[in-house]
Amino acid sequence: MWLPFHTVCLGSRTVSRRSVAAALLKCSKHRDNVSLFSHSAAAQTCKALQFRNHGDPSKVVQLEDVDLPPIGEKDVLVKMLAAPINPADINMIQGTYAILPDLPAVGGNEGVAQVVEVGRNVTSLKTGDWVIPKDAGLGTWRTEAVVAEGDVISLPNDIPLLSAATLGVNPCTAFRMLSDFEELKPGDSVIQNAANSGVGQAVIQIAAARGINTINVVRDRPEFTQLSDRLKAIGGTHVIKEEALRRPEMRELFKTCPKPKLALNGVGGQSATELLRHLQFGGSMVTYGGMAKKPVTVPVSALIFKDVKVRGFWVTQWKRDHSSDGRAFRAMLDELCQLIRQGKLTAPACTELSLQDFNKALDAAMQPFTSAKQVFIM
């Protein structure tokens, strides 16, 4: 967890199981200044997007100066390079997420940083390494931080910056859901709603790399044709509107691909119920999000006559369950990075902004039919 040294500093989460000596920041305007940072910079101030109360992000998030604490023996000083805004980040600020930080808190749970300096007893990291958080709650919307060696994991720095910054949450969620619930083989099918989300786009690409068909459901919108073309361009087999799930045309679709073994639900409500109807006998529906903010209703007939399985998945819990042995996390990241190198997994469309543009970024991230992920570039 992040332990505050001063009241102005953030203690970004007591929910983390690992121990971190301290976290806070130092100001830097340009990425090429990384090599200039040293322990002597600790007395200087820098910038972080903090919230002191839960509520509307546009009202409670502020860009503030904070102090950078000393580097402990097992700590590393990192400079944040890029950090996205995810739905969970918004929910955490609003106070509606499953885990909430102690206040004041720095926003952001995902991002990539570069190691600037290491404590004298650090063995697994070196200056120049790229790292991402191992767990939620680190507060990544900042310029620098001092973190425990065990709270971050290294990434290769030969992958695109935006791919690295957005790797730790959505692609990992997609990877695990495609791997852990049904034994999927080439030629099998997966159906998912929220197909244009970060998770949805990762599902499409990872499934395509494995030879798995995807039936991708999105809400109707004026630019549906362009969206459909874009999702097919990254590997989507079929792209359909929500309304099509209840129409006879689905029978025609299943003449060209088998009924899905796996349904991935990021919406909830009626959309989830419709996904269930199209699962094959004994299939699984995995819920990882609830953007509709409506409960999942499971028809009795689906349970009795189709023996479907209704499951849930939270990547934060998966990471914590595997924290004592990092091999599974490491192996997953290695496989995802290999897909990135091969051009088979790309970052979602991103809009790059500075921390100073946080109001614009937060507003865009909360708009319906959002087509681009907002990413802070430090």
Protein backbone atom coordinates (compact mmCIF):
# COMPACT_ATOMS: atom_id res chain seq x y z
CA MET A 1 0.00 0.00 0.00
CA TRP A 2 0.99 3.61 -0.36
CA LEU A 3 1.81 5.24 2.95
CA PRO A 4 1.59 9.05 3.19
CA PHE A 5 4.55 10.89 4.67
CA HIS A 6 2.68 14.21 4.91
CA THR A 7 -0.97 15.16 4.92
CA VAL A 8 -0.51 16.69 1.48
CA CYS A 9 0.76 13.38 0.17
CA LEU A 10 -1.47 10.61 -1.05
CA GLY A 11 -1.91 7.30 0.60
CA SER A 12 -3.47 5.80 -2.46
CA ARG A 13 -4.76 2.55 -1.11
CA THR A 14 -4.88 0.41 1.96
CA VAL A 15 -6.41 -2.39 -0.12
CA SER A 16 -3.06 -3.30 -1.69
CA ARG A 17 -1.48 -6.28 0.00
CA ARG A 18 2.03 -5.23 -0.64
CA SER A 19 4.03 -2.76 1.38
CA VAL A 20 5.34 0.45 -0.12
CA ALA A 21 7.51 2.89 1.78
CA ALA A 22 5.96 6.02 0.28
CA ALA A 23 4.62 7.52 -2.88
CA LEU A 24 4.78 10.98 -4.30
CA LEU A 25 6.02 13.08 -7.03
CA LYS A 26 8.43 15.43 -8.59
CA CYS A 27 7.69 17.75 -11.47
CA SER A 28 9.03 17.14 -14.95
CA LYS A 29 7.88 18.71 -18.19
CA HIS A 30 9.65 16.52 -20.71
CA ARG A 31 10.20 12.78 -21.00
CA ASP A 32 13.84 13.26 -21.97
CA ASN A 33 14.53 14.68 -18.51
CA VAL A 34 14.33 11.20 -16.97
CA SER A 35 18.06 10.75 -16.64
CA LEU A 36 18.38 14.00 -14.69
CA PHE A 37 16.42 12.82 -11.66
CA SER A 38 18.23 11.78 -8.51
CA HIS A 39 17.69 11.35 -4.81
CA SER A 40 18.70 14.98 -4.30
CA ALA A 41 15.46 16.05 -5.99
CA ALA A 42 13.37 14.93 -3.01
CA ALA A 43 12.85 18.43 -1.64
CA GLN A 44 11.28 19.72 -4.85
CA THR A 45 7.58 19.78 -5.60
CA CYS A 46 5.63 18.36 -8.45
CA LYS A 47 2.21 17.62 -9.85
CA ALA A 48 -0.49 15.02 -9.23
CA LEU A 49 -4.21 14.79 -9.93
CA GLN A 50 -5.69 14.39 -6.46
CA PHE A 51 -9.17 14.20 -5.01
CA ARG A 52 -9.89 14.97 -1.37
CA ASN A 53 -13.55 13.92 -1.46
CA HIS A 54 -15.58 11.47 -3.51
CA GLY A 55 -17.96 12.93 -6.06
CA ASP A 56 -18.21 14.30 -9.57
CA PRO A 57 -14.67 14.06 -11.03
CA SER A 58 -15.03 17.48 -12.65
CA LYS A 59 -15.57 18.99 -9.20
CA VAL A 60 -13.31 17.01 -6.89
CA VAL A 61 -10.16 16.33 -8.93
CA GLN A 62 -7.46 19.00 -8.72
CA LEU A 63 -3.93 19.34 -10.08
CA GLU A 64 -1.82 19.89 -6.96
CA ASP A 65 1.79 20.24 -5.87
CA VAL A 66 3.14 17.47 -3.66
CA ASP A 67 6.53 16.49 -2.25
CA LEU A 68 8.69 13.57 -3.23
CA PRO A 69 9.85 11.53 -0.20
CA PRO A 70 13.25 9.86 0.15
CA ILE A 71 13.96 6.56 -1.59
CA GLY A 72 14.07 3.57 0.74
CA GLU A 73 16.45 0.63 0.41
CA LYS A 74 13.86 -1.50 -1.44
CA ASP A 75 12.18 1.38 -3.28
CA VAL A 76 12.53 2.78 -6.76
CA LEU A 77 12.00 6.31 -8.03
CA VAL A 78 9.95 6.20 -11.22
CA LYS A 79 8.87 8.82 -13.71
CA MET A 80 5.39 8.22 -15.09
CA LEU A 81 5.41 8.20 -18.88
CA ALA A 82 1.73 7.65 -19.69
CA ALA A 83 -1.44 6.77 -17.76
CA PRO A 84 -4.96 6.18 -19.14
CA ILE A 85 -8.39 6.97 -17.74
CA ASN A 86 -10.44 3.79 -17.25
CA PRO A 87 -14.06 3.44 -16.09
CA ALA A 88 -12.84 2.03 -12.77
CA ASP A 89 -10.83 5.21 -12.19
CA ILE A 90 -13.98 7.30 -12.59
CA ASN A 91 -15.95 4.98 -10.29
CA MET A 92 -13.21 5.18 -7.66
CA ILE A 93 -13.36 8.98 -7.68
CA GLN A 94 -17.17 8.87 -7.50
CA GLY A 95 -16.94 6.53 -4.51
CA THR A 96 -18.86 3.70 -6.19
CA TYR A 97 -16.04 1.22 -6.86
CA ALA A 98 -15.48 -2.02 -4.93
CA ILE A 99 -12.27 -0.67 -3.40
CA LEU A 100 -11.74 2.94 -2.37
CA PRO A 101 -8.52 4.72 -1.43
CA ASP A 102 -7.82 6.67 1.72
CA LEU A 103 -8.25 10.37 1.04
CA PRO A 104 -6.66 12.47 -0.27
CA ALA A 105 -5.84 10.15 -3.15
CA VAL A 106 -4.16 10.34 -6.54
CA GLY A 107 -6.33 9.11 -9.39
CA GLY A 108 -5.45 6.39 -11.86
CA ASN A 109 -4.77 2.67 -11.52
CA GLU A 110 -2.89 1.93 -14.73
CA GLY A 111 0.08 3.32 -16.60
CA VAL A 112 3.71 2.83 -17.52
CA ALA A 113 6.69 4.44 -15.81
CA GLN A 114 10.45 4.46 -16.22
CA VAL A 115 12.81 3.69 -13.37
CA VAL A 116 14.99 6.70 -12.60
CA GLU A 117 16.79 5.55 -9.46
CA VAL A 118 16.86 2.38 -7.36
CA GLY A 119 17.37 1.80 -3.66
CA ARG A 120 20.57 0.04 -2.64
CA ASN A 121 18.84 -3.29 -1.93
CA VAL A 122 16.75 -3.43 -5.11
CA THR A 123 17.67 -6.50 -7.17
CA SER A 124 14.98 -7.01 -9.83
CA LEU A 125 14.93 -3.54 -11.41
CA LYS A 126 17.51 -1.16 -12.85
CA THR A 127 17.57 2.41 -14.07
CA GLY A 128 15.85 2.75 -17.43
CA ASP A 129 13.46 -0.19 -16.97
CA TRP A 130 9.82 0.28 -17.90
CA VAL A 131 7.40 -0.82 -15.18
CA ILE A 132 3.64 -1.07 -14.63
CA PRO A 133 1.70 -1.49 -11.36
CA LYS A 134 1.05 -5.01 -10.14
CA ASP A 135 -2.18 -4.00 -8.39
CA ALA A 136 -4.87 -1.35 -8.36
CA GLY A 137 -4.66 1.71 -6.16
CA LEU A 138 -1.20 3.05 -6.95
CA GLY A 139 -2.41 6.41 -8.22
CA THR A 140 -0.81 6.76 -11.65
CA TRP A 141 -2.00 10.26 -12.61
CA ARG A 142 1.24 11.82 -11.40
CA THR A 143 4.60 12.78 -12.77
CA GLU A 144 6.84 10.73 -10.46
CA ALA A 145 6.54 8.39 -7.50
CA VAL A 146 8.59 6.38 -5.04
CA VAL A 147 7.28 2.82 -4.98
CA ALA A 148 8.30 -0.47 -3.45
CA GLU A 149 10.22 -2.75 -5.77
CA GLY A 150 7.57 -5.43 -5.30
CA ASP A 151 4.70 -3.16 -6.27
CA VAL A 152 5.68 -2.92 -9.94
CA ILE A 153 6.65 -5.36 -12.67
CA SER A 154 8.93 -4.70 -15.60
CA LEU A 155 7.92 -4.55 -19.25
CA PRO A 156 10.11 -4.57 -22.36
CA ASN A 157 10.65 -1.06 -23.68
CA ASP A 158 10.55 -2.15 -27.32
CA ILE A 159 6.74 -2.01 -27.48
CA PRO A 160 4.78 1.18 -28.24
CA LEU A 161 4.29 3.54 -25.30
CA LEU A 162 0.48 3.51 -25.53
CA SER A 163 0.44 -0.29 -25.66
CA ALA A 164 2.53 -0.41 -22.49
CA ALA A 165 0.39 2.22 -20.74
CA THR A 166 -2.85 0.33 -21.44
CA LEU A 167 -1.58 -3.25 -20.97
CA GLY A 168 -2.17 -3.93 -17.30
CA VAL A 169 -5.99 -3.86 -17.12
CA ASN A 170 -7.97 -4.44 -20.31
CA PRO A 171 -5.71 -6.84 -22.23
CA CYS A 172 -5.10 -8.82 -19.04
CA THR A 173 -8.85 -9.01 -18.41
CA ALA A 174 -9.45 -10.20 -21.98
CA PHE A 175 -6.62 -12.73 -21.80
CA ARG A 176 -7.84 -14.32 -18.60
CA MET A 177 -11.49 -14.51 -19.64
CA LEU A 178 -10.52 -16.21 -22.90
CA SER A 179 -8.24 -18.63 -21.04
CA ASP A 180 -9.82 -19.50 -17.71
CA PHE A 181 -13.53 -20.29 -18.19
CA GLU A 182 -13.97 -22.46 -21.29
CA GLU A 183 -11.55 -24.60 -23.27
CA LEU A 184 -11.65 -22.66 -26.52
CA LYS A 185 -10.15 -24.13 -29.67
CA PRO A 186 -9.60 -22.68 -33.16
CA GLY A 187 -12.96 -22.41 -34.88
CA ASP A 188 -14.93 -21.92 -31.63
CA SER A 189 -16.98 -18.78 -31.06
CA VAL A 190 -17.20 -16.11 -28.38
CA ILE A 191 -19.99 -13.52 -28.14
CA GLN A 192 -19.49 -10.22 -26.31
CA ASN A 193 -21.24 -6.93 -25.71
CA ALA A 194 -19.34 -3.65 -25.25
CA ALA A 195 -17.21 -4.87 -28.13
CA ASN A 196 -15.79 -1.42 -28.81
CA SER A 197 -14.52 -1.00 -25.24
CA GLY A 198 -10.88 -1.48 -24.32
CA VAL A 199 -11.59 -5.00 -23.09
CA GLY A 200 -13.73 -5.73 -26.15
CA GLN A 201 -11.02 -4.69 -28.60
CA ALA A 202 -8.46 -6.80 -26.75
CA VAL A 203 -10.82 -9.78 -26.80
CA ILE A 204 -11.20 -9.45 -30.58
CA GLN A 205 -7.46 -9.36 -31.19
CA ILE A 206 -6.41 -12.10 -28.76
CA ALA A 207 -9.23 -14.35 -30.00
CA ALA A 208 -8.25 -13.74 -33.63
CA ALA A 209 -4.64 -14.66 -32.82
CA ARG A 210 -5.97 -17.97 -31.44
CA GLY A 211 -8.27 -18.64 -34.41
CA ILE A 212 -11.44 -18.03 -32.39
CA ASN A 213 -14.50 -16.37 -33.96
CA THR A 214 -15.95 -13.32 -32.21
CA ILE A 215 -19.53 -12.07 -32.42
CA ASN A 216 -19.27 -8.47 -31.36
CA VAL A 217 -22.31 -6.57 -30.10
CA VAL A 218 -22.37 -2.77 -29.93
CA ARG A 219 -25.07 -0.18 -29.36
CA ASP A 220 -26.55 1.47 -32.43
CA ARG A 221 -25.05 4.85 -33.27
CA PRO A 222 -24.76 7.19 -36.26
CA GLU A 223 -21.26 5.95 -37.09
CA PHE A 224 -22.09 2.23 -36.74
CA THR A 225 -20.71 1.34 -40.17
CA GLN A 226 -17.35 2.97 -39.44
CA LEU A 227 -17.17 1.28 -36.05
CA SER A 228 -18.07 -2.08 -37.56
CA ASP A 229 -15.37 -1.72 -40.18
CA ARG A 230 -12.82 -0.79 -37.53
CA LEU A 231 -13.63 -3.78 -35.31
CA LYS A 232 -13.49 -6.13 -38.29
CA ALA A 233 -10.15 -4.62 -39.31
CA ILE A 234 -8.62 -5.69 -35.97
CA GLY A 235 -9.99 -9.23 -36.31
CA GLY A 236 -13.69 -9.20 -35.41
CA THR A 237 -15.63 -11.92 -37.23
CA HIS A 238 -19.10 -10.40 -36.93
CA VAL A 239 -20.25 -7.00 -35.65
CA ILE A 240 -23.94 -6.58 -34.86
CA LYS A 241 -26.22 -4.11 -33.12
CA GLU A 242 -27.88 -4.84 -29.78
CA GLU A 243 -31.29 -5.06 -31.46
CA ALA A 244 -30.10 -7.86 -33.77
CA LEU A 245 -29.74 -10.22 -30.82
CA ARG A 246 -33.54 -10.53 -30.71
CA ARG A 247 -34.08 -10.95 -34.44
CA PRO A 248 -34.32 -14.03 -36.69
CA GLU A 249 -31.18 -12.94 -38.53
CA MET A 250 -29.15 -14.48 -35.72
CA ARG A 251 -30.12 -17.90 -37.12
CA GLU A 252 -28.47 -16.91 -40.39
CA LEU A 253 -25.34 -15.82 -38.56
CA PHE A 254 -25.03 -19.19 -36.83
CA LYS A 255 -25.02 -20.92 -40.19
CA THR A 256 -21.55 -19.47 -40.73
CA CYS A 257 -20.07 -20.00 -37.27
CA PRO A 258 -20.90 -22.23 -34.30
CA LYS A 259 -22.93 -21.03 -31.34
CA PRO A 260 -20.61 -19.52 -28.74
CA LYS A 261 -19.18 -21.46 -25.83
CA LEU A 262 -18.41 -18.22 -24.02
CA ALA A 263 -20.27 -14.94 -23.57
CA LEU A 264 -18.49 -11.88 -22.14
CA ASN A 265 -20.73 -9.30 -20.48
CA GLY A 266 -19.54 -5.79 -19.76
CA VAL A 267 -22.98 -4.16 -19.83
CA GLY A 268 -25.56 -6.03 -17.76
CA GLY A 269 -29.33 -5.63 -17.99
CA GLN A 270 -31.21 -6.85 -21.06
CA SER A 271 -28.02 -7.03 -23.09
CA ALA A 272 -26.62 -9.72 -20.81
CA THR A 273 -29.87 -11.70 -20.93
CA GLU A 274 -29.76 -11.69 -24.73
CA LEU A 275 -26.18 -12.96 -24.73
CA LEU A 276 -27.25 -15.88 -22.56
CA ARG A 277 -29.93 -16.90 -25.05
CA HIS A 278 -27.32 -17.55 -27.73
CA LEU A 279 -24.90 -19.65 -25.67
CA GLN A 280 -24.55 -23.27 -26.63
CA PHE A 281 -25.46 -25.97 -24.11
CA GLY A 282 -23.22 -25.83 -21.05
CA GLY A 283 -21.59 -22.55 -22.06
CA SER A 284 -20.44 -19.80 -19.72
CA MET A 285 -21.31 -16.14 -19.42
CA VAL A 286 -18.64 -14.13 -17.63
CA THR A 287 -19.54 -10.67 -16.33
CA TYR A 288 -16.68 -8.21 -15.91
CA GLY A 289 -18.54 -4.88 -16.02
CA GLY A 290 -21.96 -3.28 -15.68
CA MET A 291 -22.06 -0.15 -17.80
CA ALA A 292 -25.87 -0.22 -17.99
CA LYS A 293 -26.02 -0.17 -14.18
CA LYS A 294 -28.80 -2.75 -14.32
CA PRO A 295 -28.84 -6.25 -12.83
CA VAL A 296 -28.19 -9.38 -14.83
CA THR A 297 -31.39 -11.40 -15.26
CA VAL A 298 -30.93 -15.09 -15.98
CA PRO A 299 -33.89 -16.92 -17.57
CA VAL A 300 -34.81 -20.08 -15.70
CA SER A 301 -34.89 -21.95 -19.00
CA ALA A 302 -31.22 -21.11 -19.62
CA LEU A 303 -30.28 -22.74 -16.33
CA ILE A 304 -32.53 -25.79 -16.59
CA PHE A 305 -32.48 -26.66 -20.26
CA LYS A 306 -29.09 -25.27 -21.35
CA ASP A 307 -27.15 -25.70 -18.09
CA VAL A 308 -25.35 -22.40 -18.63
CA LYS A 309 -22.81 -21.19 -16.12
CA VAL A 310 -22.93 -17.59 -14.87
CA ARG A 311 -19.60 -16.34 -13.58
CA GLY A 312 -17.84 -13.11 -12.72
CA PHE A 313 -14.31 -11.85 -13.25
CA TRP A 314 -12.28 -9.01 -11.71
CA VAL A 315 -8.69 -8.74 -12.85
CA THR A 316 -7.65 -7.02 -9.62
CA GLN A 317 -8.72 -10.10 -7.65
CA TRP A 318 -6.92 -12.38 -10.08
CA LYS A 319 -3.70 -10.42 -9.60
CA ARG A 320 -4.03 -10.62 -5.83
CA ASP A 321 -4.77 -14.33 -5.92
CA HIS A 322 -1.54 -14.83 -7.86
CA SER A 323 0.60 -12.27 -6.02
CA SER A 324 2.55 -14.83 -3.99
CA ASP A 325 3.84 -16.46 -7.17
CA GLY A 326 4.39 -13.96 -9.95
CA ARG A 327 5.02 -16.54 -12.67
CA ALA A 328 1.45 -16.56 -14.02
CA PHE A 329 1.36 -12.76 -14.29
CA ARG A 330 4.81 -12.70 -15.88
CA ALA A 331 3.87 -15.39 -18.40
CA MET A 332 0.69 -13.52 -19.35
CA LEU A 333 2.54 -10.23 -19.86
CA ASP A 334 5.20 -11.98 -21.93
CA GLU A 335 2.57 -13.53 -24.20
CA LEU A 336 0.72 -10.23 -24.59
CA CYS A 337 3.95 -8.37 -25.39
CA GLN A 338 4.78 -10.97 -28.00
CA LEU A 339 1.40 -10.37 -29.64
CA ILE A 340 2.14 -6.63 -29.60
CA ARG A 341 5.51 -7.16 -31.26
CA GLN A 342 3.86 -9.31 -33.93
CA GLY A 343 1.32 -6.58 -34.65
CA LYS A 344 -1.54 -8.80 -33.46
CA LEU A 345 -2.47 -6.68 -30.43
CA THR A 346 -2.61 -2.91 -30.64
CA ALA A 347 -3.65 -0.25 -28.15
CA PRO A 348 -7.18 1.11 -28.49
CA ALA A 349 -7.64 4.46 -30.16
CA CYS A 350 -6.21 7.02 -27.74
CA THR A 351 -6.35 10.76 -27.23
CA GLU A 352 -3.14 12.04 -25.64
CA LEU A 353 -3.36 14.92 -23.16
CA SER A 354 -1.24 16.55 -20.49
CA LEU A 355 -2.10 16.56 -16.80
CA GLN A 356 -2.97 20.24 -17.18
CA ASP A 357 -5.81 19.22 -19.53
CA PHE A 358 -7.36 16.92 -16.93
CA ASN A 359 -10.81 18.55 -17.01
CA LYS A 360 -11.06 18.02 -20.75
CA ALA A 361 -9.80 14.44 -20.41
CA LEU A 362 -12.21 13.51 -17.60
CA ASP A 363 -15.15 15.03 -19.44
CA ALA A 364 -14.33 13.12 -22.63
CA ALA A 365 -13.85 9.86 -20.71
CA MET A 366 -17.36 10.11 -19.25
CA GLN A 367 -19.18 10.73 -22.53
CA PRO A 368 -21.43 8.00 -23.99
CA PHE A 369 -20.26 6.27 -27.17
CA THR A 370 -16.68 7.17 -26.32
CA SER A 371 -14.48 6.00 -29.18
CA ALA A 372 -11.05 6.94 -27.82
CA LYS A 373 -9.32 6.28 -24.51
CA GLN A 374 -8.00 9.39 -22.79
CA VAL A 375 -4.32 9.01 -21.88
CA PHE A 376 -2.21 11.41 -19.86
CA ILE A 377 1.27 11.81 -21.32
CA MET A 378 3.79 13.00 -18.79
